[in-house]
Amino acid sequence: MNIQKDGKNVTSRREWIEKLVESKGKVDIEELASHFGVSSMTIRRDLMHLEEHNKLIRTHGGAVAPSSLIGETPYAQKQTEHLMEKQLIAKQASTLVPEGATILVDSGTTTLELIKLLKDRNDLTIVTNDITIAAELVNASPKCIVTGGELQLGVGALFGPQTEGMIRELHVDLFFLGAHAVDEAAGVTAPTLEKAAIKKRMMEAAQTTWLICDSSKFSKRAFANVCQLTKLEGIITDANFLTSFKHENYHDNMVIAQA
């Protein structure tokens, strides 16, 4: 089949788009429009149709195969996975927290390890949307502020309009961002729009944002966009990153946590 010739045929074009998504894992709207000789709006309608039939998931500027996206990992599983790496990352991240700082801490198990290292510092104010992190600080030295919001069962993260509304009122020194997936092109992504929205609000509230995540999160994509990597001050990850990835593809300020 000649793709260019059949580009004007709706059924043929959509069949080809489906095949391209299956083979490549992702497609770009502008590239498809040029490829088939149709408008970007036509391609958007094609992608909407294919998404309705569960053939792909639309993203900003394109679409990806459903199998290429990672979802939410159960909290109990996350607590034990890559624990040593998370502890090393947390130790490195703790050195970035200046005296008297007010920090935002994202929900997650890597950020929980960071809080364990900061819990004796009485000069800090820590804001979080994670009830597990808040529980770690119940009898600790820092001042702790919990955002409020709807509780994500089985995870412990708070989200929703109340959470976003409170964060919009804040101005903090430093935000430690966690990630479900990090891709050199897509940037940081989250499994739900609600989680992505909270992370975006936190970034807006902070003077500086550092991404802290273990190397298993790289070269992966989740459903909802959070930010491009250029928006970050830097990334802290573990040494396993060096065996699989090139740091220059992700960020100029890539910090490798060593034992």
Protein backbone atom coordinates (compact mmCIF):
# COMPACT_ATOMS: atom_id res chain seq x y z
CA MET A 1 0.00 0.00 0.00
CA ASN A 2 1.25 3.42 -0.93
CA ILE A 3 0.88 5.55 2.19
CA GLN A 4 0.95 8.89 0.39
CA LYS A 5 -1.60 7.72 -2.18
CA ASP A 6 -4.02 6.41 0.44
CA GLY A 7 -3.52 9.35 2.80
CA LYS A 8 -6.82 10.91 1.71
CA ASN A 9 -8.73 7.70 2.47
CA VAL A 10 -9.88 7.90 6.08
CA THR A 11 -10.01 4.17 6.77
CA SER A 12 -6.66 3.42 5.15
CA ARG A 13 -4.98 6.37 6.83
CA ARG A 14 -6.21 5.35 10.27
CA GLU A 15 -5.11 1.77 9.70
CA TRP A 16 -1.63 3.04 8.83
CA ILE A 17 -1.52 5.33 11.85
CA GLU A 18 -2.46 2.39 14.06
CA LYS A 19 0.36 0.32 12.53
CA LEU A 20 2.85 3.17 12.97
CA VAL A 21 1.94 3.52 16.64
CA GLU A 22 2.31 -0.22 17.16
CA SER A 23 5.71 -0.35 15.46
CA LYS A 24 7.25 2.93 16.69
CA GLY A 25 5.52 3.27 20.05
CA LYS A 26 4.70 6.94 19.39
CA VAL A 27 3.69 9.30 16.58
CA ASP A 28 3.76 13.07 16.07
CA ILE A 29 0.80 15.03 14.70
CA GLU A 30 2.80 17.34 12.45
CA GLU A 31 4.88 14.50 11.05
CA LEU A 32 1.74 12.48 10.30
CA ALA A 33 0.08 15.47 8.63
CA SER A 34 3.10 15.97 6.38
CA HIS A 35 3.42 12.24 5.75
CA PHE A 36 -0.18 11.79 4.61
CA GLY A 37 -0.62 15.19 2.99
CA VAL A 38 -3.54 16.22 5.21
CA SER A 39 -4.11 18.91 7.84
CA SER A 40 -3.10 18.68 11.48
CA MET A 41 -6.79 18.91 12.44
CA THR A 42 -7.53 15.86 10.29
CA ILE A 43 -4.81 13.90 12.10
CA ARG A 44 -6.18 15.03 15.47
CA ARG A 45 -9.58 13.65 14.50
CA ASP A 46 -7.92 10.40 13.45
CA LEU A 47 -6.15 10.13 16.79
CA MET A 48 -9.37 10.88 18.69
CA HIS A 49 -11.13 8.12 16.76
CA LEU A 50 -8.34 5.63 17.40
CA GLU A 51 -8.21 6.54 21.09
CA GLU A 52 -11.96 5.93 21.37
CA HIS A 53 -11.30 2.42 20.04
CA ASN A 54 -8.40 1.89 22.50
CA LYS A 55 -5.78 1.77 19.74
CA LEU A 56 -3.60 4.53 21.22
CA ILE A 57 -3.42 7.22 23.89
CA ARG A 58 -3.22 10.84 22.81
CA THR A 59 -0.45 12.99 24.23
CA HIS A 60 0.58 16.61 23.75
CA GLY A 61 1.42 16.85 20.05
CA GLY A 62 0.90 13.20 19.21
CA ALA A 63 0.02 9.78 20.55
CA VAL A 64 1.62 6.69 22.04
CA ALA A 65 0.81 3.00 22.13
CA PRO A 66 -1.10 1.98 25.28
CA SER A 67 1.55 -0.62 26.09
CA SER A 68 4.30 2.00 26.07
CA LEU A 69 2.90 3.89 29.06
CA ILE A 70 3.57 2.90 32.65
CA GLY A 71 0.91 3.16 35.32
CA GLU A 72 0.83 3.56 39.06
CA THR A 73 2.93 1.06 41.04
CA PRO A 74 1.43 -0.13 44.36
CA TYR A 75 3.02 1.73 47.28
CA ALA A 76 4.08 -1.43 49.13
CA GLN A 77 5.96 -2.56 46.03
CA LYS A 78 7.62 0.83 45.56
CA GLN A 79 8.86 0.84 49.16
CA THR A 80 11.09 -2.18 48.58
CA GLU A 81 12.16 -1.62 44.97
CA HIS A 82 15.61 -0.05 44.47
CA LEU A 83 15.73 0.91 48.15
CA MET A 84 19.52 1.24 48.38
CA GLU A 85 19.57 3.49 45.31
CA LYS A 86 16.81 5.66 46.75
CA GLN A 87 18.71 6.03 50.02
CA LEU A 88 21.85 7.15 48.18
CA ILE A 89 19.85 9.62 46.10
CA ALA A 90 18.21 10.97 49.25
CA LYS A 91 21.57 11.42 50.95
CA GLN A 92 22.84 13.45 47.99
CA ALA A 93 19.65 15.49 47.84
CA SER A 94 19.83 16.32 51.54
CA THR A 95 23.05 18.26 50.94
CA LEU A 96 21.11 20.73 48.77
CA VAL A 97 18.84 21.91 51.59
CA PRO A 98 20.16 25.20 53.03
CA GLU A 99 19.70 26.33 56.61
CA GLY A 100 16.29 27.81 57.32
CA ALA A 101 14.80 26.64 54.04
CA THR A 102 11.14 26.09 53.23
CA ILE A 103 10.84 23.09 50.94
CA LEU A 104 8.11 21.33 49.01
CA VAL A 105 8.37 17.56 48.95
CA ASP A 106 6.52 15.50 46.35
CA SER A 107 4.77 12.26 47.21
CA GLY A 108 6.80 9.09 46.75
CA THR A 109 9.24 6.65 48.26
CA THR A 110 12.45 8.41 47.20
CA THR A 111 11.23 11.63 48.78
CA LEU A 112 10.28 9.64 51.90
CA GLU A 113 13.90 8.53 52.22
CA LEU A 114 14.94 12.19 51.94
CA ILE A 115 12.59 13.18 54.77
CA LYS A 116 14.10 10.52 57.01
CA LEU A 117 17.42 12.36 56.67
CA LEU A 118 15.92 15.79 57.34
CA LYS A 119 13.67 14.93 60.28
CA ASP A 120 16.15 16.13 62.93
CA ARG A 121 16.59 19.60 61.41
CA ASN A 122 14.58 22.12 63.42
CA ASP A 123 15.42 24.96 61.03
CA LEU A 124 13.25 23.64 58.19
CA THR A 125 9.66 24.04 57.08
CA ILE A 126 8.49 21.09 54.98
CA VAL A 127 5.32 21.16 52.86
CA THR A 128 4.05 17.90 51.39
CA ASN A 129 1.02 16.26 49.78
CA ASP A 130 1.99 12.82 51.11
CA ILE A 131 0.47 11.50 54.35
CA THR A 132 3.23 8.90 54.75
CA ILE A 133 5.83 11.65 54.68
CA ALA A 134 3.72 13.69 57.10
CA ALA A 135 3.51 10.70 59.45
CA GLU A 136 7.30 10.43 59.40
CA LEU A 137 7.42 13.99 60.73
CA VAL A 138 4.85 13.61 63.53
CA ASN A 139 7.50 13.51 66.26
CA ALA A 140 10.26 15.21 64.27
CA SER A 141 11.93 18.61 64.46
CA PRO A 142 10.92 20.41 61.23
CA LYS A 143 7.68 22.33 60.93
CA CYS A 144 5.38 20.26 58.69
CA ILE A 145 2.52 21.57 56.56
CA VAL A 146 0.19 19.11 54.80
CA THR A 147 -1.65 20.39 51.74
CA GLY A 148 -4.96 18.66 52.29
CA GLY A 149 -7.07 17.31 49.45
CA GLU A 150 -8.48 13.99 48.32
CA LEU A 151 -6.52 10.92 49.41
CA GLN A 152 -5.33 8.46 46.77
CA LEU A 153 -6.02 5.11 48.39
CA GLY A 154 -3.14 2.67 48.51
CA VAL A 155 -0.64 5.41 47.71
CA GLY A 156 -1.04 8.12 50.33
CA ALA A 157 -0.84 11.09 47.98
CA LEU A 158 -3.24 14.02 48.25
CA PHE A 159 -4.64 15.63 45.11
CA GLY A 160 -7.52 17.65 43.74
CA PRO A 161 -8.70 21.29 43.71
CA GLN A 162 -8.08 21.81 47.44
CA THR A 163 -4.49 20.63 47.09
CA GLU A 164 -3.86 22.81 44.05
CA GLY A 165 -5.50 25.81 45.69
CA MET A 166 -3.27 25.68 48.73
CA ILE A 167 -0.09 25.21 46.73
CA ARG A 168 -0.94 28.26 44.61
CA GLU A 169 -0.72 30.36 47.78
CA LEU A 170 2.85 29.25 48.54
CA HIS A 171 6.33 30.52 47.72
CA VAL A 172 9.10 28.11 48.72
CA ASP A 173 12.85 27.86 48.27
CA LEU A 174 13.16 24.36 46.92
CA PHE A 175 10.99 21.58 45.48
CA PHE A 176 12.04 17.94 45.35
CA LEU A 177 10.12 16.39 42.48
CA GLY A 178 9.55 12.65 42.20
CA ALA A 179 8.81 10.88 38.93
CA HIS A 180 7.00 7.87 37.60
CA ALA A 181 8.68 8.18 34.22
CA VAL A 182 11.40 10.30 32.61
CA ASP A 183 12.04 10.47 28.88
CA GLU A 184 14.58 12.59 27.04
CA ALA A 185 11.90 13.88 24.66
CA ALA A 186 8.71 13.76 26.74
CA GLY A 187 10.37 14.95 29.93
CA VAL A 188 8.81 14.10 33.30
CA THR A 189 5.42 12.38 33.11
CA ALA A 190 2.87 11.09 35.61
CA PRO A 191 0.24 8.32 35.44
CA THR A 192 -2.75 10.66 35.90
CA LEU A 193 -3.69 14.21 34.97
CA GLU A 194 -4.44 14.91 38.64
CA LYS A 195 -0.94 13.96 39.76
CA ALA A 196 0.64 15.91 36.93
CA ALA A 197 -1.37 18.99 37.90
CA ILE A 198 -0.12 18.87 41.51
CA LYS A 199 3.49 18.52 40.40
CA LYS A 200 3.11 21.49 38.04
CA ARG A 201 1.67 23.66 40.81
CA MET A 202 4.54 22.68 43.09
CA MET A 203 7.08 23.67 40.46
CA GLU A 204 5.39 27.04 40.05
CA ALA A 205 5.58 27.63 43.82
CA ALA A 206 9.31 26.90 44.07
CA GLN A 207 12.34 28.99 43.19
CA THR A 208 14.25 25.83 42.32
CA THR A 209 13.19 22.30 41.36
CA TRP A 210 15.34 19.19 41.59
CA LEU A 211 14.19 15.86 40.19
CA ILE A 212 15.19 12.93 42.41
CA CYS A 213 14.51 9.43 41.07
CA ASP A 214 16.26 6.11 40.60
CA SER A 215 17.54 5.00 37.21
CA SER A 216 14.67 2.55 36.60
CA LYS A 217 12.42 5.53 35.81
CA PHE A 218 14.39 6.66 32.75
CA SER A 219 13.50 6.05 29.10
CA LYS A 220 9.86 5.57 30.11
CA ARG A 221 6.66 7.55 29.62
CA ALA A 222 3.48 7.84 31.61
CA PHE A 223 0.16 9.33 30.54
CA ALA A 224 0.29 12.97 31.65
CA ASN A 225 2.95 15.62 30.98
CA VAL A 226 4.57 17.32 33.97
CA CYS A 227 7.48 19.31 32.52
CA GLN A 228 10.33 19.33 30.08
CA LEU A 229 13.72 18.54 31.58
CA THR A 230 15.01 22.04 30.82
CA LYS A 231 12.68 23.36 33.56
CA LEU A 232 14.72 21.52 36.21
CA GLU A 233 17.71 22.83 38.12
CA GLY A 234 19.14 19.33 37.91
CA ILE A 235 18.54 15.60 38.32
CA ILE A 236 19.87 13.29 41.03
CA THR A 237 19.88 9.58 40.26
CA ASP A 238 21.95 6.45 40.95
CA ALA A 239 25.07 5.08 39.29
CA ASN A 240 23.14 2.47 37.28
CA PHE A 241 22.08 5.34 35.04
CA LEU A 242 25.59 5.48 33.60
CA THR A 243 25.45 1.93 32.24
CA SER A 244 22.34 2.53 30.12
CA PHE A 245 22.00 6.23 29.33
CA LYS A 246 23.95 9.31 28.29
CA HIS A 247 23.56 12.13 30.78
CA GLU A 248 23.82 14.78 28.06
CA ASN A 249 20.56 13.44 26.59
CA TYR A 250 18.74 14.33 29.79
CA HIS A 251 20.28 17.28 31.62
CA ASP A 252 23.52 19.25 31.85
CA ASN A 253 23.34 19.08 35.64
CA MET A 254 23.06 15.34 36.19
CA VAL A 255 24.24 14.32 39.67
CA ILE A 256 25.09 10.66 40.26
CA ALA A 257 24.67 9.53 43.87
CA GLN A 258 27.54 7.28 44.91
CA ALA A 259 27.96 5.06 47.96
